Amino acid sequence: MSTEGTPYKLQWSDFEPELMKVTYRGVLDLVLVWASIFGVAAVASRFLSPDLTGVLVTAAAILVIGTLQNGLASLSHHAVHYNLHPDRKINDSLFRWMLAAPMGQSFLTLRREHLRHHSRFAENDDPERFYYDLDIHNRRSPGAFIARTAGMFLGLVVASQLQRILSGNRGGALATGQKDERESRGRREFLYALPAQAVLFGAFYLLTDNLLGYFIYWAIPLVTVGAGLNALRATIEHADPDEPPTNYRSFHFNPIEKMIVGSFNFNLHYEHHRFMSVPYYKVGEVKKRMLAANDYAGCRIERSYLSRYAEILKKLRTHDR
């Protein structure tokens, strides 16, 4: 989002270069998330059994690992903006091998689509519009909205993604333009997912001493909780049933929701859209300065993701009458 020539009060020139400096904080967070995933799998696998204790521990592990995978998706987003490592080549190597490929993604496609999301936000050719445009997938009623968000945790996100990959229509029904070489390269990047999954299969087998370890502690959480939380966040932060909609939102620091849904300062989403080159661990300072300047035109600051979800349902009920 360019702020030049707009009614916004703060511009890029108001921030010192130090605020945009990328440190090694992203690498540390990346290592901690991966270590946590493997640690949870190693501990939970000791209780793996068909009895009640085994079922409860496994279910809890799937929830925790899925939440951590959503954290990986957040770090993947930050890698899109070169905010994971100060060296851009290393940033992209980490992006490819420790984020995109393990989650079955193409880092080139993720970057191209997400940067276009920033530049074409709320336009018909925004590649991420399908998340928040309620007319797509017919989500203009409370029941339809609930069904769609529930489906995000039941593999619907992965099924939709596979359909987009196989069809080449990464922008959904609103995609325009012809495929170019960059799009072909982006699709070839999906092949890196194959060796990544093989390595993960071996790693989880060694950790759990069980051939099902990869599926229980990686694949199942990824296609359910991990994908669901990521898609739910992307929906809530921009969706609005009102006409005209207010699509920009930022969310207060709610420790529980921040950990589960908006990890790594993703809750400060409007601030990120305004100044996307500021690393996520410094965007809190951006928020302070924007609040001091009363610079939130066209944005709503929400109490929480849960309250915003309830508000969307309330508005849909009103509009549905």
Protein backbone atom coordinates (compact mmCIF):
# COMPACT_ATOMS: atom_id res chain seq x y z
CA MET A 1 0.00 0.00 0.00
CA SER A 2 1.45 3.32 -1.02
CA THR A 3 0.79 6.17 1.39
CA GLU A 4 1.98 8.97 -0.87
CA GLY A 5 -0.79 11.31 -2.04
CA THR A 6 -3.29 9.91 0.49
CA PRO A 7 -5.02 11.44 3.54
CA TYR A 8 -2.84 9.29 5.80
CA LYS A 9 -0.85 11.29 8.33
CA LEU A 10 2.26 9.12 8.57
CA GLN A 11 4.46 8.38 5.57
CA TRP A 12 7.50 6.20 5.08
CA SER A 13 9.69 9.28 5.50
CA ASP A 14 8.49 9.58 9.10
CA PHE A 15 10.26 6.36 10.07
CA GLU A 16 13.95 6.00 10.67
CA PRO A 17 15.85 3.33 8.66
CA GLU A 18 16.53 1.37 11.86
CA LEU A 19 12.84 0.52 12.09
CA MET A 20 13.05 -1.33 8.76
CA LYS A 21 16.24 -3.20 9.65
CA VAL A 22 15.81 -6.98 9.61
CA THR A 23 17.56 -8.90 12.39
CA TYR A 24 17.98 -12.60 13.19
CA ARG A 25 14.82 -12.62 15.31
CA GLY A 26 12.90 -14.36 12.52
CA VAL A 27 15.38 -17.23 12.37
CA LEU A 28 15.14 -17.69 16.14
CA ASP A 29 11.34 -17.77 15.99
CA LEU A 30 11.47 -20.23 13.09
CA VAL A 31 13.77 -22.61 15.00
CA LEU A 32 11.64 -22.34 18.14
CA VAL A 33 8.43 -23.20 16.27
CA TRP A 34 9.98 -26.23 14.57
CA ALA A 35 11.53 -27.40 17.84
CA SER A 36 8.14 -27.07 19.54
CA ILE A 37 6.43 -29.13 16.83
CA PHE A 38 8.97 -31.92 17.08
CA GLY A 39 8.92 -31.73 20.88
CA VAL A 40 5.14 -32.05 21.09
CA ALA A 41 5.21 -34.98 18.65
CA ALA A 42 7.97 -36.75 20.58
CA VAL A 43 6.13 -36.44 23.91
CA ALA A 44 2.64 -37.18 22.60
CA SER A 45 3.78 -40.27 20.71
CA ARG A 46 4.69 -41.91 24.03
CA PHE A 47 0.99 -41.94 24.86
CA LEU A 48 -0.22 -43.08 21.44
CA SER A 49 -2.80 -45.81 22.02
CA PRO A 50 -6.49 -46.48 21.36
CA ASP A 51 -7.47 -45.95 25.01
CA LEU A 52 -9.03 -42.75 26.34
CA THR A 53 -5.75 -41.24 27.53
CA GLY A 54 -4.10 -41.90 24.18
CA VAL A 55 -7.00 -40.39 22.25
CA LEU A 56 -7.09 -37.26 24.42
CA VAL A 57 -3.32 -36.73 24.25
CA THR A 58 -3.32 -37.24 20.48
CA ALA A 59 -6.21 -34.80 20.02
CA ALA A 60 -4.42 -32.22 22.17
CA ALA A 61 -1.21 -32.73 20.18
CA ILE A 62 -3.05 -32.20 16.89
CA LEU A 63 -4.52 -28.94 18.22
CA VAL A 64 -1.17 -27.66 19.52
CA ILE A 65 0.80 -28.68 16.42
CA GLY A 66 -1.88 -27.19 14.15
CA THR A 67 -1.57 -23.93 16.07
CA LEU A 68 2.20 -24.01 15.65
CA GLN A 69 1.74 -24.70 11.93
CA ASN A 70 -0.37 -21.56 11.75
CA GLY A 71 2.65 -19.85 13.28
CA LEU A 72 4.75 -21.24 10.43
CA ALA A 73 2.20 -19.78 7.99
CA SER A 74 2.64 -16.41 9.70
CA LEU A 75 6.43 -16.65 9.40
CA SER A 76 5.96 -17.66 5.76
CA HIS A 77 4.06 -14.42 5.24
CA HIS A 78 6.87 -12.46 6.85
CA ALA A 79 9.39 -14.23 4.60
CA VAL A 80 7.33 -13.01 1.63
CA HIS A 81 8.35 -9.50 2.70
CA TYR A 82 12.02 -10.47 3.24
CA ASN A 83 11.64 -10.04 6.99
CA LEU A 84 12.88 -13.47 8.09
CA HIS A 85 16.64 -13.02 7.58
CA PRO A 86 18.75 -9.93 6.75
CA ASP A 87 20.33 -11.71 3.75
CA ARG A 88 17.61 -12.02 1.09
CA LYS A 89 19.08 -15.17 -0.47
CA ILE A 90 19.14 -16.89 2.90
CA ASN A 91 15.65 -15.51 3.60
CA ASP A 92 14.37 -17.23 0.47
CA SER A 93 16.21 -20.49 1.16
CA LEU A 94 14.60 -20.64 4.60
CA PHE A 95 11.30 -19.64 3.02
CA ARG A 96 11.49 -22.45 0.47
CA TRP A 97 12.82 -25.33 2.58
CA MET A 98 11.55 -24.63 6.09
CA LEU A 99 8.19 -23.01 5.35
CA ALA A 100 6.70 -23.29 1.87
CA ALA A 101 7.78 -26.79 0.85
CA PRO A 102 6.93 -28.46 4.20
CA MET A 103 3.44 -26.96 3.93
CA GLY A 104 3.02 -27.96 0.28
CA GLN A 105 3.37 -24.43 -1.07
CA SER A 106 5.40 -22.59 -3.71
CA PHE A 107 7.30 -19.69 -2.20
CA LEU A 108 7.43 -17.88 -5.55
CA THR A 109 3.66 -18.14 -5.97
CA LEU A 110 3.04 -17.09 -2.37
CA ARG A 111 5.22 -14.00 -2.82
CA ARG A 112 3.73 -12.98 -6.17
CA GLU A 113 0.15 -13.40 -4.98
CA HIS A 114 0.62 -11.76 -1.63
CA LEU A 115 2.44 -8.72 -2.96
CA ARG A 116 -0.33 -8.37 -5.51
CA HIS A 117 -2.80 -8.60 -2.64
CA HIS A 118 -1.10 -5.56 -1.13
CA SER A 119 -1.01 -3.58 -4.36
CA ARG A 120 -4.50 -4.57 -5.56
CA PHE A 121 -6.28 -4.94 -2.23
CA ALA A 122 -10.11 -5.03 -2.54
CA GLU A 123 -9.87 -4.87 -6.34
CA ASN A 124 -11.41 -7.59 -8.49
CA ASP A 125 -7.98 -9.00 -9.34
CA ASP A 126 -6.76 -9.28 -5.75
CA PRO A 127 -5.57 -12.94 -5.65
CA GLU A 128 -6.60 -13.25 -1.98
CA ARG A 129 -10.04 -11.74 -2.42
CA PHE A 130 -11.69 -15.16 -2.11
CA TYR A 131 -10.88 -15.07 1.60
CA TYR A 132 -12.88 -11.96 2.44
CA ASP A 133 -15.35 -11.28 -0.40
CA LEU A 134 -18.53 -12.80 1.01
CA ASP A 135 -20.12 -13.06 -2.42
CA ILE A 136 -17.48 -15.62 -3.35
CA HIS A 137 -18.61 -19.03 -2.04
CA ASN A 138 -22.05 -17.49 -1.30
CA ARG A 139 -21.40 -16.57 2.35
CA ARG A 140 -24.03 -13.85 2.70
CA SER A 141 -26.07 -15.74 5.30
CA PRO A 142 -25.03 -16.73 8.84
CA GLY A 143 -25.46 -20.43 8.12
CA ALA A 144 -23.37 -20.30 4.97
CA PHE A 145 -20.64 -18.29 6.70
CA ILE A 146 -20.50 -20.72 9.64
CA ALA A 147 -20.49 -23.72 7.31
CA ARG A 148 -17.67 -22.30 5.24
CA THR A 149 -15.50 -21.41 8.24
CA ALA A 150 -16.17 -24.80 9.81
CA GLY A 151 -15.19 -26.44 6.53
CA MET A 152 -11.82 -24.68 6.72
CA PHE A 153 -10.97 -27.04 9.58
CA LEU A 154 -12.17 -30.12 7.69
CA GLY A 155 -9.83 -30.04 4.71
CA LEU A 156 -11.74 -27.52 2.60
CA VAL A 157 -8.76 -25.16 2.40
CA VAL A 158 -6.46 -27.87 1.11
CA ALA A 159 -9.06 -29.13 -1.38
CA SER A 160 -9.52 -25.60 -2.73
CA GLN A 161 -5.78 -25.11 -2.95
CA LEU A 162 -5.29 -28.36 -4.87
CA GLN A 163 -8.01 -27.32 -7.29
CA ARG A 164 -6.28 -23.99 -7.86
CA ILE A 165 -2.89 -25.65 -8.37
CA LEU A 166 -4.16 -28.26 -10.81
CA SER A 167 -6.22 -25.77 -12.78
CA GLY A 168 -3.48 -23.15 -12.77
CA ASN A 169 -6.11 -20.65 -11.63
CA ARG A 170 -4.31 -19.36 -8.54
CA GLY A 171 -6.42 -16.22 -8.46
CA GLY A 172 -9.72 -18.08 -8.24
CA ALA A 173 -12.72 -17.03 -10.29
CA LEU A 174 -11.46 -13.46 -10.45
CA ALA A 175 -8.04 -14.19 -11.94
CA THR A 176 -7.15 -12.37 -15.13
CA GLY A 177 -4.30 -12.41 -17.60
CA GLN A 178 -2.27 -15.06 -19.32
CA LYS A 179 0.17 -17.42 -17.67
CA ASP A 180 3.73 -16.18 -17.92
CA GLU A 181 7.11 -17.66 -17.16
CA ARG A 182 6.95 -16.53 -13.54
CA GLU A 183 3.71 -18.45 -13.07
CA SER A 184 5.31 -21.56 -14.60
CA ARG A 185 8.29 -21.22 -12.28
CA GLY A 186 5.92 -20.79 -9.36
CA ARG A 187 4.11 -24.00 -10.23
CA ARG A 188 7.41 -25.89 -10.57
CA GLU A 189 8.25 -24.77 -7.06
CA PHE A 190 5.52 -27.08 -5.77
CA LEU A 191 7.83 -29.99 -6.66
CA TYR A 192 10.06 -29.01 -3.74
CA ALA A 193 7.25 -30.21 -1.50
CA LEU A 194 8.02 -33.83 -2.43
CA PRO A 195 11.53 -34.09 -0.91
CA ALA A 196 10.38 -31.90 1.99
CA GLN A 197 7.59 -34.33 2.84
CA ALA A 198 9.99 -37.27 2.54
CA VAL A 199 12.35 -35.65 5.04
CA LEU A 200 9.47 -34.92 7.39
CA PHE A 201 8.24 -38.49 7.10
CA GLY A 202 11.66 -39.74 8.15
CA ALA A 203 11.99 -37.19 10.95
CA PHE A 204 8.63 -38.03 12.48
CA TYR A 205 9.33 -41.75 12.16
CA LEU A 206 12.60 -41.34 14.07
CA LEU A 207 10.88 -39.19 16.70
CA THR A 208 7.85 -41.39 17.23
CA ASP A 209 9.11 -44.82 16.18
CA ASN A 210 5.83 -45.15 14.30
CA LEU A 211 5.18 -45.14 10.54
CA LEU A 212 2.01 -43.15 11.24
CA GLY A 213 3.92 -40.41 13.05
CA TYR A 214 4.13 -38.15 9.98
CA PHE A 215 0.40 -38.41 9.35
CA ILE A 216 -0.73 -38.01 12.96
CA TYR A 217 1.65 -35.23 13.98
CA TRP A 218 2.14 -33.36 10.71
CA ALA A 219 -0.28 -34.06 7.85
CA ILE A 220 -3.53 -34.22 9.83
CA PRO A 221 -2.85 -31.05 11.87
CA LEU A 222 -1.71 -29.25 8.72
CA VAL A 223 -4.84 -29.88 6.64
CA THR A 224 -7.24 -29.28 9.55
CA VAL A 225 -6.20 -26.97 12.38
CA GLY A 226 -3.21 -25.31 10.71
CA ALA A 227 -4.91 -24.53 7.40
CA GLY A 228 -8.17 -23.69 9.17
CA LEU A 229 -6.66 -21.11 11.53
CA ASN A 230 -4.74 -19.44 8.73
CA ALA A 231 -7.81 -19.18 6.48
CA LEU A 232 -10.05 -18.08 9.36
CA ARG A 233 -7.66 -15.26 10.24
CA ALA A 234 -7.42 -14.15 6.60
CA THR A 235 -11.22 -14.07 6.43
CA ILE A 236 -11.92 -12.24 9.67
CA GLU A 237 -9.30 -9.54 9.20
CA HIS A 238 -10.83 -8.26 5.94
CA ALA A 239 -14.44 -9.52 5.59
CA ASP A 240 -17.28 -7.04 6.13
CA PRO A 241 -20.98 -7.53 5.23
CA ASP A 242 -21.64 -3.76 5.18
CA GLU A 243 -21.93 -1.78 1.96
CA PRO A 244 -19.54 -0.18 1.38
CA PRO A 245 -17.33 -2.50 3.40
CA THR A 246 -14.57 -1.45 5.76
CA ASN A 247 -11.98 -4.04 4.83
CA TYR A 248 -9.03 -2.85 6.89
CA ARG A 249 -8.80 -4.07 10.47
CA SER A 250 -6.32 -4.30 13.30
CA PHE A 251 -6.80 -6.34 16.46
CA HIS A 252 -5.87 -5.63 20.06
CA PHE A 253 -3.24 -7.73 21.81
CA ASN A 254 -5.27 -10.60 23.25
CA PRO A 255 -2.59 -13.05 24.50
CA ILE A 256 -4.60 -16.21 23.84
CA GLU A 257 -5.93 -15.19 20.43
CA LYS A 258 -2.57 -13.73 19.46
CA MET A 259 -0.90 -17.06 20.18
CA ILE A 260 -3.54 -19.16 18.43
CA VAL A 261 -4.76 -17.01 15.52
CA GLY A 262 -2.64 -13.89 15.04
CA SER A 263 0.82 -15.14 15.96
CA PHE A 264 3.97 -13.10 15.33
CA ASN A 265 2.07 -9.80 15.46
CA PHE A 266 -0.28 -10.74 12.63
CA ASN A 267 -3.05 -9.12 14.68
CA LEU A 268 -1.53 -5.73 13.77
CA HIS A 269 -2.67 -6.25 10.23
CA TYR A 270 -3.60 -2.75 9.17
CA GLU A 271 -0.28 -1.45 10.42
CA HIS A 272 1.39 -4.10 8.28
CA HIS A 273 -0.62 -3.12 5.20
CA ARG A 274 0.42 0.49 5.67
CA PHE A 275 4.10 -0.21 6.27
CA MET A 276 4.75 -3.74 5.07
CA SER A 277 8.56 -3.50 5.08
CA VAL A 278 8.67 -3.10 8.85
CA PRO A 279 9.58 -6.48 10.40
CA TYR A 280 6.83 -8.06 12.46
CA TYR A 281 8.79 -7.75 15.71
CA LYS A 282 8.97 -3.96 15.24
CA VAL A 283 5.42 -3.31 14.03
CA GLY A 284 4.32 -2.63 17.62
CA GLU A 285 6.29 0.62 17.42
CA VAL A 286 4.41 1.49 14.22
CA LYS A 287 1.14 0.99 16.10
CA LYS A 288 2.27 3.34 18.88
CA ARG A 289 3.12 6.08 16.40
CA MET A 290 -0.08 5.62 14.40
CA LEU A 291 -2.16 5.83 17.58
CA ALA A 292 -0.31 8.97 18.65
CA ALA A 293 -0.98 10.52 15.24
CA ASN A 294 -4.61 9.29 15.18
CA ASP A 295 -3.79 7.74 11.82
CA TYR A 296 -6.41 5.01 11.45
CA ALA A 297 -8.63 6.46 8.73
CA GLY A 298 -10.50 3.71 6.91
CA CYS A 299 -9.65 1.12 9.54
CA ARG A 300 -11.42 -0.37 12.53
CA ILE A 301 -9.55 -1.58 15.61
CA GLU A 302 -11.30 -4.69 16.91
CA ARG A 303 -11.33 -6.06 20.45
CA SER A 304 -10.68 -9.61 19.32
CA TYR A 305 -11.03 -12.08 16.46
CA LEU A 306 -13.87 -13.81 18.29
CA SER A 307 -15.86 -10.62 18.80
CA ARG A 308 -15.35 -9.71 15.14
CA TYR A 309 -16.58 -13.15 14.05
CA ALA A 310 -19.71 -12.67 16.17
CA GLU A 311 -20.21 -9.20 14.71
CA ILE A 312 -20.01 -10.55 11.15
CA LEU A 313 -22.69 -13.12 11.98
CA LYS A 314 -24.89 -10.44 13.55
CA LYS A 315 -24.63 -8.25 10.47
CA LEU A 316 -25.33 -11.19 8.17
CA ARG A 317 -28.49 -12.01 10.16
CA THR A 318 -29.61 -8.39 9.84
CA HIS A 319 -28.93 -8.24 6.10
CA ASP A 320 -30.55 -11.64 5.56
CA ARG A 321 -33.95 -10.49 6.81
